[in-house]
Amino acid sequence: MKGRLSIVGLGLHDEQGISLGGLAEAKDADLVYLELYTNLMPAFSKESLERLIGKKIIELSRSDLEEDAVNGILKLSLDQKVCLLVPGDPFVATTHLSLRIAAEKAGIPTRVIHAASIASAIPGAIGLQSYKFGRSVSIPFPEGTIVPETPYIVIKENKARGLHTLVFLDIDLEDSRFMSVSEALSILLQLEERRREMVVEEKTLAVGIARLGSPDAEIYAGKIEDLLEHEFGAPPHVIIFLGDLHFLETEALKVFAHLGCSPS
């Protein structure tokens, strides 16, 4: 067996986010594949990346990497060097973990080339200490009147431990739906109205972030009532709920995120 499967991160915003190591891996591959369904890269250009790599890139669907993987990308990886390009940093989310496990079980060597992810970039971008983040959570689009309470519970648990919470907002690339900061906060305020545990109130401090890694990234910290009125622009958006702040974190939020009120 001479094949292998390499999974290469693309970073946050555009094709320039790929590392030199990732670029070399793609250039060395016999086949280069791409998935863009797991996250939005606002300025990504497949054509530009093809010019950088010097070969054709084939885009795959979710079914190609899940239901059809055994007879598709994994079969090809048995005797060819296959490179899969993915947004962000591979396996920060577990989306392609099953694919890598299946490859190793089939005797296919795997390589992972890392890149920036939203999880690793946020602490430095807004001046929060990375070890003070608790469990992250996602807010899905509501299905009818059903609003899952998990995001509220996770924020509550982290807050009780003095930890920050990174909240991912739902995206549906197939239907071009991207949850905004204001939509997510409105959902959480509905949950607060239901639960009344004083976790997410209009005076609660949070940070809204849009298009991190891009030249026009928008970062704004304040009370939820202020974030609801702030224009964050195009997606993708995320929210940080703040835990206990070190004085340097507070100063950083004032400088980097326009925090105008004193944390209570």
Protein backbone atom coordinates (compact mmCIF):
# COMPACT_ATOMS: atom_id res chain seq x y z
CA MET A 1 0.00 0.00 0.00
CA LYS A 2 1.49 3.29 -1.12
CA GLY A 3 -1.39 5.62 -0.47
CA ARG A 4 -2.19 8.05 2.33
CA LEU A 5 -4.86 10.50 3.36
CA SER A 6 -3.82 14.00 4.40
CA ILE A 7 -6.32 16.39 5.97
CA VAL A 8 -5.23 20.00 5.65
CA GLY A 9 -6.72 23.05 7.37
CA LEU A 10 -7.42 26.18 5.32
CA GLY A 11 -7.76 28.71 8.14
CA LEU A 12 -10.46 31.29 8.65
CA HIS A 13 -11.10 33.67 5.78
CA ASP A 14 -9.59 32.87 2.39
CA GLU A 15 -7.12 30.59 0.60
CA GLN A 16 -4.19 32.55 2.04
CA GLY A 17 -4.87 30.90 5.40
CA ILE A 18 -3.32 27.59 4.36
CA SER A 19 0.09 26.98 5.95
CA LEU A 20 3.29 26.44 3.98
CA GLY A 21 3.23 22.86 5.21
CA GLY A 22 -0.35 22.44 4.04
CA LEU A 23 0.48 23.94 0.66
CA ALA A 24 3.42 21.55 0.25
CA GLU A 25 1.21 18.60 1.21
CA ALA A 26 -1.39 19.56 -1.41
CA LYS A 27 1.28 20.02 -4.08
CA ASP A 28 2.67 16.55 -3.31
CA ALA A 29 -0.73 14.85 -3.51
CA ASP A 30 -2.00 12.85 -6.48
CA LEU A 31 -5.56 14.01 -5.81
CA VAL A 32 -6.77 17.13 -4.01
CA TYR A 33 -10.29 17.35 -2.61
CA LEU A 34 -12.12 20.17 -0.84
CA GLU A 35 -15.14 20.45 1.41
CA LEU A 36 -16.80 23.75 2.19
CA TYR A 37 -20.02 22.60 3.85
CA THR A 38 -18.80 22.65 7.46
CA ASN A 39 -18.00 26.35 7.68
CA LEU A 40 -18.13 29.60 5.77
CA MET A 41 -14.90 31.11 4.43
CA PRO A 42 -16.15 34.50 3.20
CA ALA A 43 -13.42 35.29 0.64
CA PHE A 44 -12.28 31.81 -0.34
CA SER A 45 -11.43 31.26 -4.02
CA LYS A 46 -10.99 27.69 -5.25
CA GLU A 47 -9.54 28.99 -8.51
CA SER A 48 -6.90 31.02 -6.70
CA LEU A 49 -5.93 28.04 -4.54
CA GLU A 50 -5.72 25.84 -7.64
CA ARG A 51 -3.19 28.28 -9.06
CA LEU A 52 -1.17 28.16 -5.81
CA ILE A 53 -1.19 24.36 -5.74
CA GLY A 54 -0.79 23.88 -9.46
CA LYS A 55 -3.49 21.27 -9.86
CA LYS A 56 -7.25 20.77 -10.04
CA ILE A 57 -9.27 20.71 -6.79
CA ILE A 58 -12.40 18.56 -6.64
CA GLU A 59 -15.15 19.73 -4.26
CA LEU A 60 -16.92 17.05 -2.24
CA SER A 61 -20.36 16.98 -0.65
CA ARG A 62 -21.24 15.80 2.84
CA SER A 63 -22.38 12.42 1.50
CA ASP A 64 -19.05 11.99 -0.31
CA LEU A 65 -17.24 12.17 3.03
CA GLU A 66 -19.78 10.27 5.10
CA GLU A 67 -22.06 7.68 3.46
CA ASP A 68 -19.96 7.25 0.31
CA ALA A 69 -16.47 7.58 1.82
CA VAL A 70 -15.57 3.88 1.82
CA ASN A 71 -16.10 3.49 -1.91
CA GLY A 72 -14.84 6.96 -2.70
CA ILE A 73 -12.07 8.93 -1.00
CA LEU A 74 -10.92 6.03 1.20
CA LYS A 75 -10.69 3.60 -1.70
CA LEU A 76 -8.64 6.13 -3.67
CA SER A 77 -6.35 6.64 -0.65
CA LEU A 78 -5.33 2.98 -0.68
CA ASP A 79 -2.81 3.48 -3.50
CA GLN A 80 -2.73 7.24 -4.08
CA LYS A 81 -1.71 10.27 -2.05
CA VAL A 82 -5.01 12.02 -1.36
CA CYS A 83 -5.29 15.48 0.22
CA LEU A 84 -8.53 16.75 1.74
CA LEU A 85 -8.76 20.51 2.33
CA VAL A 86 -11.13 21.66 5.09
CA PRO A 87 -12.06 25.07 6.57
CA GLY A 88 -10.42 26.09 9.83
CA ASP A 89 -8.26 23.60 11.73
CA PRO A 90 -8.99 19.89 11.19
CA PHE A 91 -10.72 18.15 14.09
CA VAL A 92 -11.28 21.23 16.25
CA ALA A 93 -14.80 20.06 15.49
CA THR A 94 -15.24 16.29 15.13
CA THR A 95 -16.79 16.45 11.66
CA HIS A 96 -14.18 14.34 9.89
CA LEU A 97 -13.00 12.22 12.82
CA SER A 98 -14.92 9.17 11.57
CA LEU A 99 -13.22 9.49 8.20
CA ARG A 100 -9.75 9.49 9.75
CA ILE A 101 -10.56 6.57 12.04
CA ALA A 102 -11.88 4.57 9.09
CA ALA A 103 -8.71 5.33 7.12
CA GLU A 104 -6.40 4.15 9.90
CA LYS A 105 -8.48 0.99 10.45
CA ALA A 106 -8.13 0.26 6.73
CA GLY A 107 -4.35 0.58 7.02
CA ILE A 108 -4.23 3.95 5.27
CA PRO A 109 -1.66 6.29 6.87
CA THR A 110 -3.09 9.71 7.74
CA ARG A 111 -1.51 13.12 8.19
CA VAL A 112 -3.01 16.26 9.69
CA ILE A 113 -1.75 19.73 8.78
CA HIS A 114 -3.11 22.34 11.17
CA ALA A 115 -4.23 25.91 10.54
CA ALA A 116 -5.98 28.68 12.44
CA SER A 117 -9.46 27.98 13.80
CA ILE A 118 -12.01 30.31 15.31
CA ALA A 119 -11.40 28.60 18.68
CA SER A 120 -7.66 29.28 18.65
CA ALA A 121 -7.86 32.75 17.10
CA ILE A 122 -10.47 34.35 19.36
CA PRO A 123 -8.49 34.59 22.63
CA GLY A 124 -5.65 36.50 20.99
CA ALA A 125 -7.95 38.62 18.85
CA ILE A 126 -9.85 40.05 21.81
CA GLY A 127 -7.29 39.64 24.59
CA LEU A 128 -8.90 36.89 26.65
CA GLN A 129 -6.79 34.20 28.30
CA SER A 130 -7.20 30.90 26.46
CA TYR A 131 -7.09 28.71 29.57
CA LYS A 132 -10.11 30.57 30.98
CA PHE A 133 -12.52 29.23 28.36
CA GLY A 134 -14.93 26.51 29.38
CA ARG A 135 -16.98 24.19 27.20
CA SER A 136 -18.08 25.73 23.90
CA VAL A 137 -21.61 25.34 22.54
CA SER A 138 -23.63 25.91 19.38
CA ILE A 139 -27.00 27.60 18.93
CA PRO A 140 -29.00 25.83 16.18
CA PHE A 141 -31.76 27.38 14.13
CA PRO A 142 -35.04 26.73 15.99
CA GLU A 143 -37.31 24.06 14.54
CA GLY A 144 -40.78 25.51 14.84
CA THR A 145 -41.37 26.43 18.47
CA ILE A 146 -38.62 24.09 19.76
CA VAL A 147 -35.69 26.03 21.23
CA PRO A 148 -32.99 23.75 22.71
CA GLU A 149 -31.88 24.81 26.18
CA THR A 150 -28.34 23.37 25.97
CA PRO A 151 -26.67 26.72 25.06
CA TYR A 152 -28.26 28.40 28.09
CA ILE A 153 -27.20 25.54 30.38
CA VAL A 154 -23.59 25.55 29.13
CA ILE A 155 -23.27 29.33 29.56
CA LYS A 156 -24.69 29.00 33.09
CA GLU A 157 -22.25 26.22 34.03
CA ASN A 158 -19.22 28.06 32.67
CA LYS A 159 -20.30 31.31 34.32
CA ALA A 160 -20.59 29.56 37.70
CA ARG A 161 -16.95 28.48 37.30
CA GLY A 162 -15.81 31.95 36.22
CA LEU A 163 -15.10 30.76 32.66
CA HIS A 164 -15.73 32.33 29.27
CA THR A 165 -18.06 30.60 26.78
CA LEU A 166 -17.52 30.48 23.03
CA VAL A 167 -20.90 30.21 21.32
CA PHE A 168 -20.99 29.08 17.69
CA LEU A 169 -23.95 30.27 15.63
CA ASP A 170 -25.69 27.95 13.21
CA ILE A 171 -24.96 28.05 9.48
CA ASP A 172 -26.81 26.32 6.64
CA LEU A 173 -24.62 26.74 3.57
CA GLU A 174 -26.99 24.84 1.29
CA ASP A 175 -29.78 27.34 1.94
CA SER A 176 -27.46 30.32 2.56
CA ARG A 177 -28.74 30.83 6.11
CA PHE A 178 -26.35 32.26 8.68
CA MET A 179 -27.42 33.02 12.23
CA SER A 180 -26.54 36.55 13.33
CA VAL A 181 -25.48 37.82 16.74
CA SER A 182 -28.87 39.49 17.24
CA GLU A 183 -30.80 36.33 16.29
CA ALA A 184 -28.76 34.23 18.70
CA LEU A 185 -29.15 36.70 21.55
CA SER A 186 -32.89 36.88 20.97
CA ILE A 187 -33.08 33.08 21.29
CA LEU A 188 -31.09 33.18 24.54
CA LEU A 189 -33.29 35.94 25.94
CA GLN A 190 -36.32 33.77 25.19
CA LEU A 191 -34.71 30.99 27.17
CA GLU A 192 -34.01 33.43 30.02
CA GLU A 193 -37.67 34.42 30.01
CA ARG A 194 -38.56 30.74 30.31
CA ARG A 195 -35.96 29.71 32.92
CA ARG A 196 -35.47 32.99 34.86
CA GLU A 197 -32.04 32.05 36.26
CA MET A 198 -30.38 35.42 35.50
CA VAL A 199 -27.82 33.92 33.12
CA VAL A 200 -28.53 35.84 29.91
CA GLU A 201 -30.14 39.21 30.62
CA GLU A 202 -30.10 42.51 28.76
CA LYS A 203 -27.39 43.83 31.10
CA THR A 204 -25.18 40.73 30.69
CA LEU A 205 -21.78 41.42 29.11
CA ALA A 206 -20.82 39.58 25.94
CA VAL A 207 -18.67 39.99 22.83
CA GLY A 208 -19.97 39.71 19.28
CA ILE A 209 -17.48 38.82 16.54
CA ALA A 210 -17.96 38.72 12.78
CA ARG A 211 -15.60 37.55 10.00
CA LEU A 212 -12.62 36.96 12.27
CA GLY A 213 -9.44 36.69 10.21
CA SER A 214 -10.66 39.06 7.52
CA PRO A 215 -9.49 42.66 6.98
CA ASP A 216 -12.94 43.94 7.96
CA ALA A 217 -13.50 41.79 11.05
CA GLU A 218 -15.98 43.34 13.47
CA ILE A 219 -15.44 42.87 17.22
CA TYR A 220 -17.72 44.59 19.71
CA ALA A 221 -18.15 44.05 23.46
CA GLY A 222 -20.93 45.39 25.61
CA LYS A 223 -24.21 44.62 27.29
CA ILE A 224 -26.59 42.38 25.36
CA GLU A 225 -28.99 45.29 24.89
CA ASP A 226 -26.16 47.12 23.08
CA LEU A 227 -25.11 44.11 21.00
CA LEU A 228 -28.69 43.70 19.81
CA GLU A 229 -28.48 47.16 18.23
CA HIS A 230 -24.95 46.85 16.84
CA GLU A 231 -24.44 46.18 13.13
CA PHE A 232 -22.01 43.29 12.72
CA GLY A 233 -22.39 42.95 8.97
CA ALA A 234 -21.84 39.83 6.91
CA PRO A 235 -21.33 36.34 8.42
CA PRO A 236 -19.99 34.23 9.99
CA HIS A 237 -20.77 35.44 13.52
CA VAL A 238 -19.89 34.07 16.97
CA ILE A 239 -20.50 35.26 20.54
CA ILE A 240 -18.36 35.13 23.68
CA PHE A 241 -20.06 35.20 27.07
CA LEU A 242 -17.60 36.50 29.62
CA GLY A 243 -16.59 34.81 32.84
CA ASP A 244 -14.52 36.43 35.59
CA LEU A 245 -12.19 38.97 33.99
CA HIS A 246 -8.55 39.58 34.86
CA PHE A 247 -7.75 43.31 34.80
CA LEU A 248 -5.64 42.81 31.67
CA GLU A 249 -8.58 41.10 29.95
CA THR A 250 -10.79 44.06 30.82
CA GLU A 251 -8.22 46.48 29.42
CA ALA A 252 -7.85 44.39 26.27
CA LEU A 253 -11.61 44.36 25.71
CA LYS A 254 -11.65 48.15 25.97
CA VAL A 255 -8.84 48.46 23.41
CA PHE A 256 -9.70 45.66 20.99
CA ALA A 257 -13.47 45.31 21.39
CA HIS A 258 -14.66 48.84 22.25
CA LEU A 259 -15.90 47.82 25.68
CA GLY A 260 -17.35 51.00 27.09
CA CYS A 261 -18.84 49.88 30.37
CA SER A 262 -17.22 48.50 33.50
CA PRO A 263 -17.74 44.78 34.16
CA SER A 264 -19.93 44.13 37.19
